[in-house]
Amino acid sequence: MTFIEMLQAAWQKNDSLLCVGLDPDPMKFPTHLQGRPEAIFEFCRAIVDATADLVCAFKPQIAYFAANCAEDQLQALIAHIHDHHPGIPVIVDAKRGDIGSTAEQYAIEVFERYCGDAITANPYMGRDSVEPYLAYRNKGVFLLCRTSNPGGSDLQFLDVGGQKLYEHVAGIVARDWNMNGQCGLVVGATYPGEIARVRRIIGEMPLLVPGIGAQGGDVEATLKAGRTACGTGLIVNNSRAILYAGKGEDFAQAARQAAMTSRALINRFR
């Protein structure tokens, strides 16, 4: 199956637009896991196993693994998801952006070493920097468009021929880069007005939407702005509010309850 086919199937099977972001910070782990050599894998595996039937995707953030010399644990985690929860796509949140020859190596890293189903990438070096990811036609590629951080406006709101730069990016990706139907865009939940504008530009392409939960994005406004006519089209990411919902040995059950609450809130406005 292609990434898009996996995503569409997960939307339906789990009745969910929720994506759980896997941003493991060992300093926030329950006491019984701290100091264990495989703590990152054990923590994330427990979260995954507790929430897999509630999500449309998982999104591990590669920096949290790399900073802790835990790339092997990321590899093991993605293998665990594929083996034990087949059909749930994994979006490797890497935000890569470099010249074509280097991008080829990043593509090998994410799609062949880690066996991710999709990647987040930065489009601001142009199409040749993205083409190595697009060459993997069964994989998904999410390009940064209108990000959730306050400083995103510094560049993304620049005027480009009567359009904002983020609008220009949305149009280029939808019109010229999505030849294989594998692209999506990253648009933050903190800016529902921009989500609506991007949706009008791109049609049915999927949007990866960070910014709900700990970042305070408005779920109702996000859904109204970004959902497609059939009530899908969104991958709504929630990380810290689910990962760290509990602090004791029952942390995974607390994460499940938080994920259930998040999914129910999202579905209320679909």
Protein backbone atom coordinates (compact mmCIF):
# COMPACT_ATOMS: atom_id res chain seq x y z
CA MET A 1 0.00 0.00 0.00
CA THR A 2 1.07 3.57 -0.57
CA PHE A 3 1.22 6.02 2.30
CA ILE A 4 -1.94 7.75 1.11
CA GLU A 5 -3.80 4.44 0.92
CA MET A 6 -2.64 3.55 4.44
CA LEU A 7 -3.75 6.93 5.73
CA GLN A 8 -7.17 6.72 4.12
CA ALA A 9 -7.68 3.22 5.51
CA ALA A 10 -6.62 4.31 9.01
CA TRP A 11 -8.96 7.32 8.92
CA GLN A 12 -11.84 4.94 8.30
CA LYS A 13 -10.85 1.91 10.38
CA ASN A 14 -10.09 3.85 13.56
CA ASP A 15 -12.65 6.61 12.94
CA SER A 16 -9.84 9.01 13.71
CA LEU A 17 -7.97 12.04 12.46
CA LEU A 18 -5.70 11.96 15.52
CA CYS A 19 -1.95 11.55 15.18
CA VAL A 20 0.10 10.89 18.30
CA GLY A 21 3.44 12.67 18.14
CA LEU A 22 6.26 10.69 19.71
CA ASP A 23 8.59 13.29 21.25
CA PRO A 24 10.31 11.30 24.02
CA ASP A 25 12.00 13.43 26.67
CA PRO A 26 13.68 11.13 29.23
CA MET A 27 13.54 13.87 31.85
CA LYS A 28 9.73 13.57 31.78
CA PHE A 29 9.56 9.77 31.93
CA PRO A 30 8.04 7.98 34.91
CA THR A 31 10.56 7.18 37.62
CA HIS A 32 10.58 3.44 36.94
CA LEU A 33 11.87 4.03 33.38
CA GLN A 34 14.51 6.64 34.08
CA GLY A 35 18.07 5.44 33.62
CA ARG A 36 17.11 2.30 31.73
CA PRO A 37 19.21 1.77 28.57
CA GLU A 38 16.16 1.19 26.35
CA ALA A 39 13.91 3.67 28.16
CA ILE A 40 13.00 5.65 25.05
CA PHE A 41 11.90 2.57 23.16
CA GLU A 42 10.05 1.15 26.16
CA PHE A 43 8.23 4.43 26.80
CA CYS A 44 7.22 4.97 23.18
CA ARG A 45 6.27 1.32 22.66
CA ALA A 46 3.91 1.50 25.62
CA ILE A 47 2.31 4.67 24.27
CA VAL A 48 1.95 3.13 20.81
CA ASP A 49 0.42 -0.10 22.10
CA ALA A 50 -2.04 1.85 24.26
CA THR A 51 -3.23 4.18 21.50
CA ALA A 52 -2.82 2.38 18.15
CA ASP A 53 -6.54 1.71 17.73
CA LEU A 54 -7.32 5.41 18.30
CA VAL A 55 -5.05 7.07 15.73
CA CYS A 56 -4.60 7.56 12.01
CA ALA A 57 -0.80 7.89 12.29
CA PHE A 58 2.18 8.11 14.60
CA LYS A 59 4.76 10.88 14.21
CA PRO A 60 8.15 10.31 15.86
CA GLN A 61 10.26 13.49 16.03
CA ILE A 62 13.73 12.42 15.00
CA ALA A 63 15.61 15.03 17.08
CA TYR A 64 14.38 13.55 20.36
CA PHE A 65 15.92 10.22 19.40
CA ALA A 66 19.13 11.57 17.87
CA ALA A 67 19.85 13.89 20.82
CA ASN A 68 19.85 10.84 23.09
CA CYS A 69 21.90 8.61 20.75
CA ALA A 70 18.75 6.53 20.34
CA GLU A 71 18.47 6.17 16.57
CA ASP A 72 18.54 2.39 16.99
CA GLN A 73 15.57 2.70 19.33
CA LEU A 74 13.71 4.74 16.70
CA GLN A 75 14.42 2.02 14.15
CA ALA A 76 13.13 -0.63 16.58
CA LEU A 77 10.06 1.45 17.40
CA ILE A 78 9.01 1.86 13.77
CA ALA A 79 9.56 -1.86 13.20
CA HIS A 80 7.36 -2.55 16.22
CA ILE A 81 4.58 -0.34 14.84
CA HIS A 82 4.69 -2.05 11.47
CA ASP A 83 4.82 -5.54 12.98
CA HIS A 84 2.23 -5.15 15.73
CA HIS A 85 -0.04 -2.43 14.36
CA PRO A 86 0.04 -2.94 10.58
CA GLY A 87 -1.76 -0.31 8.59
CA ILE A 88 -0.95 2.59 10.92
CA PRO A 89 1.42 4.87 8.98
CA VAL A 90 4.53 6.38 10.54
CA ILE A 91 5.44 9.96 9.63
CA VAL A 92 9.09 10.64 10.48
CA ASP A 93 9.19 14.27 11.54
CA ALA A 94 12.62 15.30 10.28
CA LYS A 95 11.96 18.61 8.46
CA ARG A 96 14.88 17.91 6.17
CA GLY A 97 15.95 20.48 3.59
CA ASP A 98 19.24 20.34 1.71
CA ILE A 99 20.72 20.07 -1.79
CA GLY A 100 19.72 17.10 -3.90
CA SER A 101 22.75 14.87 -3.27
CA THR A 102 22.40 15.29 0.49
CA ALA A 103 18.62 14.90 0.30
CA GLU A 104 19.19 11.53 -1.37
CA GLN A 105 21.02 10.39 1.76
CA TYR A 106 18.28 11.74 4.02
CA ALA A 107 15.71 9.86 1.94
CA ILE A 108 17.67 6.64 2.36
CA GLU A 109 17.89 7.31 6.10
CA VAL A 110 14.16 7.82 6.59
CA PHE A 111 12.69 5.42 4.06
CA GLU A 112 15.25 2.60 4.02
CA ARG A 113 17.03 2.69 7.38
CA TYR A 114 14.04 3.65 9.53
CA CYS A 115 11.35 2.35 7.13
CA GLY A 116 9.17 5.40 7.69
CA ASP A 117 6.03 5.76 5.60
CA ALA A 118 6.32 9.54 5.23
CA ILE A 119 8.65 12.42 6.01
CA THR A 120 8.32 16.10 6.80
CA ALA A 121 10.58 18.27 4.65
CA ASN A 122 11.42 21.93 4.12
CA PRO A 123 10.56 23.22 0.62
CA TYR A 124 12.56 26.44 0.73
CA MET A 125 15.53 25.14 -1.27
CA GLY A 126 13.24 24.32 -4.17
CA ARG A 127 12.06 21.28 -6.06
CA ASP A 128 15.45 19.65 -6.62
CA SER A 129 15.90 19.42 -2.84
CA VAL A 130 12.56 17.57 -2.54
CA GLU A 131 12.78 15.28 -5.58
CA PRO A 132 14.81 12.56 -3.79
CA TYR A 133 11.86 12.05 -1.42
CA LEU A 134 9.33 12.18 -4.25
CA ALA A 135 11.28 9.42 -6.02
CA TYR A 136 9.89 7.02 -3.41
CA ARG A 137 6.45 7.05 -4.98
CA ASN A 138 4.75 4.94 -2.34
CA LYS A 139 5.93 7.24 0.47
CA GLY A 140 4.37 10.47 1.75
CA VAL A 141 6.11 13.86 1.73
CA PHE A 142 4.76 16.67 3.93
CA LEU A 143 6.17 20.08 3.05
CA LEU A 144 6.29 22.90 5.58
CA CYS A 145 3.79 25.56 4.58
CA ARG A 146 2.29 27.62 7.45
CA THR A 147 3.98 26.52 10.63
CA SER A 148 2.57 26.82 14.15
CA ASN A 149 5.47 28.74 15.71
CA PRO A 150 5.07 32.53 16.16
CA GLY A 151 8.22 33.28 14.15
CA GLY A 152 6.82 31.52 11.11
CA SER A 153 5.28 34.81 10.03
CA ASP A 154 8.72 36.37 9.62
CA LEU A 155 9.08 34.67 6.23
CA GLN A 156 5.83 32.87 5.47
CA PHE A 157 3.85 36.13 5.30
CA LEU A 158 6.17 37.84 2.82
CA ASP A 159 4.41 39.12 -0.29
CA VAL A 160 5.16 37.10 -3.43
CA GLY A 161 3.38 38.55 -6.45
CA GLY A 162 0.26 39.45 -4.49
CA GLN A 163 0.26 36.24 -2.46
CA LYS A 164 1.71 35.36 0.92
CA LEU A 165 4.73 33.10 0.61
CA TYR A 166 2.96 30.20 2.36
CA GLU A 167 0.14 30.47 -0.21
CA HIS A 168 2.67 30.38 -3.01
CA VAL A 169 4.24 27.24 -1.50
CA ALA A 170 0.82 25.59 -1.21
CA GLY A 171 0.07 26.31 -4.85
CA ILE A 172 3.42 25.05 -6.15
CA VAL A 173 3.20 21.80 -4.20
CA ALA A 174 -0.39 21.11 -5.24
CA ARG A 175 0.09 22.11 -8.87
CA ASP A 176 3.65 21.03 -9.72
CA TRP A 177 5.16 18.74 -7.09
CA ASN A 178 2.28 16.38 -6.31
CA MET A 179 2.53 14.48 -9.59
CA ASN A 180 2.33 11.10 -7.84
CA GLY A 181 -0.39 12.10 -5.39
CA GLN A 182 1.96 11.63 -2.42
CA CYS A 183 2.34 15.16 -1.05
CA GLY A 184 0.79 16.90 1.91
CA LEU A 185 1.41 20.16 3.73
CA VAL A 186 2.18 21.12 7.32
CA VAL A 187 -0.14 23.88 8.54
CA GLY A 188 -0.37 24.78 12.23
CA ALA A 189 -3.61 24.62 14.21
CA THR A 190 -2.73 27.98 15.76
CA TYR A 191 -3.74 29.66 12.48
CA PRO A 192 -7.18 28.35 11.40
CA GLY A 193 -7.68 31.21 8.94
CA GLU A 194 -4.57 30.15 7.07
CA ILE A 195 -5.67 26.50 7.19
CA ALA A 196 -8.88 27.49 5.38
CA ARG A 197 -6.92 29.45 2.79
CA VAL A 198 -4.54 26.54 2.17
CA ARG A 199 -7.44 24.10 1.85
CA ARG A 200 -9.00 26.26 -0.86
CA ILE A 201 -5.70 26.29 -2.77
CA ILE A 202 -4.83 22.59 -2.57
CA GLY A 203 -8.16 20.78 -2.77
CA GLU A 204 -8.11 17.28 -1.25
CA MET A 205 -4.42 16.96 -0.31
CA PRO A 206 -3.83 15.91 3.32
CA LEU A 207 -2.78 18.44 5.92
CA LEU A 208 -0.57 17.56 8.87
CA VAL A 209 -1.72 19.91 11.61
CA PRO A 210 0.42 20.36 14.74
CA GLY A 211 -0.48 22.80 17.47
CA ILE A 212 -3.43 21.35 19.39
CA GLY A 213 -3.03 20.15 22.96
CA ALA A 214 -0.13 21.82 24.76
CA GLN A 215 0.24 24.48 22.03
CA GLY A 216 -3.36 25.59 22.46
CA GLY A 217 -4.75 25.30 18.93
CA ASP A 218 -8.56 25.53 18.59
CA VAL A 219 -9.85 22.09 17.58
CA GLU A 220 -13.24 23.29 16.38
CA ALA A 221 -11.76 26.07 14.25
CA THR A 222 -9.13 23.72 12.87
CA LEU A 223 -11.68 21.11 11.81
CA LYS A 224 -14.04 23.61 10.24
CA ALA A 225 -11.19 25.19 8.31
CA GLY A 226 -9.33 22.11 7.17
CA ARG A 227 -11.56 19.08 6.82
CA THR A 228 -12.57 17.88 3.38
CA ALA A 229 -16.16 17.36 2.27
CA CYS A 230 -16.05 13.73 3.45
CA GLY A 231 -14.82 14.73 6.91
CA THR A 232 -11.19 13.66 6.53
CA GLY A 233 -8.15 15.33 4.95
CA LEU A 234 -6.49 16.13 8.28
CA ILE A 235 -3.83 14.52 10.44
CA VAL A 236 -4.26 16.36 13.72
CA ASN A 237 -1.16 15.92 15.84
CA ASN A 238 -1.16 15.86 19.63
CA SER A 239 2.10 15.09 21.40
CA ARG A 240 2.85 16.25 24.93
CA ALA A 241 -0.73 16.31 26.21
CA ILE A 242 -0.97 12.58 25.44
CA LEU A 243 2.60 11.42 26.12
CA TYR A 244 2.81 12.97 29.55
CA ALA A 245 -0.80 12.64 30.68
CA GLY A 246 0.38 10.34 33.48
CA LYS A 247 3.52 10.30 35.59
CA GLY A 248 3.34 6.88 37.25
CA GLU A 249 3.58 3.28 36.15
CA ASP A 250 0.10 3.61 34.62
CA PHE A 251 1.35 6.30 32.19
CA ALA A 252 0.29 4.32 29.12
CA GLN A 253 -3.28 3.97 30.36
CA ALA A 254 -3.35 7.71 31.11
CA ALA A 255 -2.08 8.34 27.57
CA ARG A 256 -4.86 6.14 26.19
CA GLN A 257 -7.48 8.10 28.08
CA ALA A 258 -6.03 11.39 26.84
CA ALA A 259 -6.00 10.06 23.28
CA MET A 260 -9.62 8.92 23.57
CA THR A 261 -10.60 12.38 24.78
CA SER A 262 -8.66 14.04 21.98
CA ARG A 263 -10.16 11.80 19.28
CA ALA A 264 -13.68 12.38 20.61
CA LEU A 265 -13.16 16.15 20.59
CA ILE A 266 -11.89 16.04 17.01
CA ASN A 267 -14.75 13.82 15.86
CA ARG A 268 -17.29 16.16 17.41
CA PHE A 269 -16.45 18.75 14.77
CA ARG A 270 -15.89 16.50 11.72
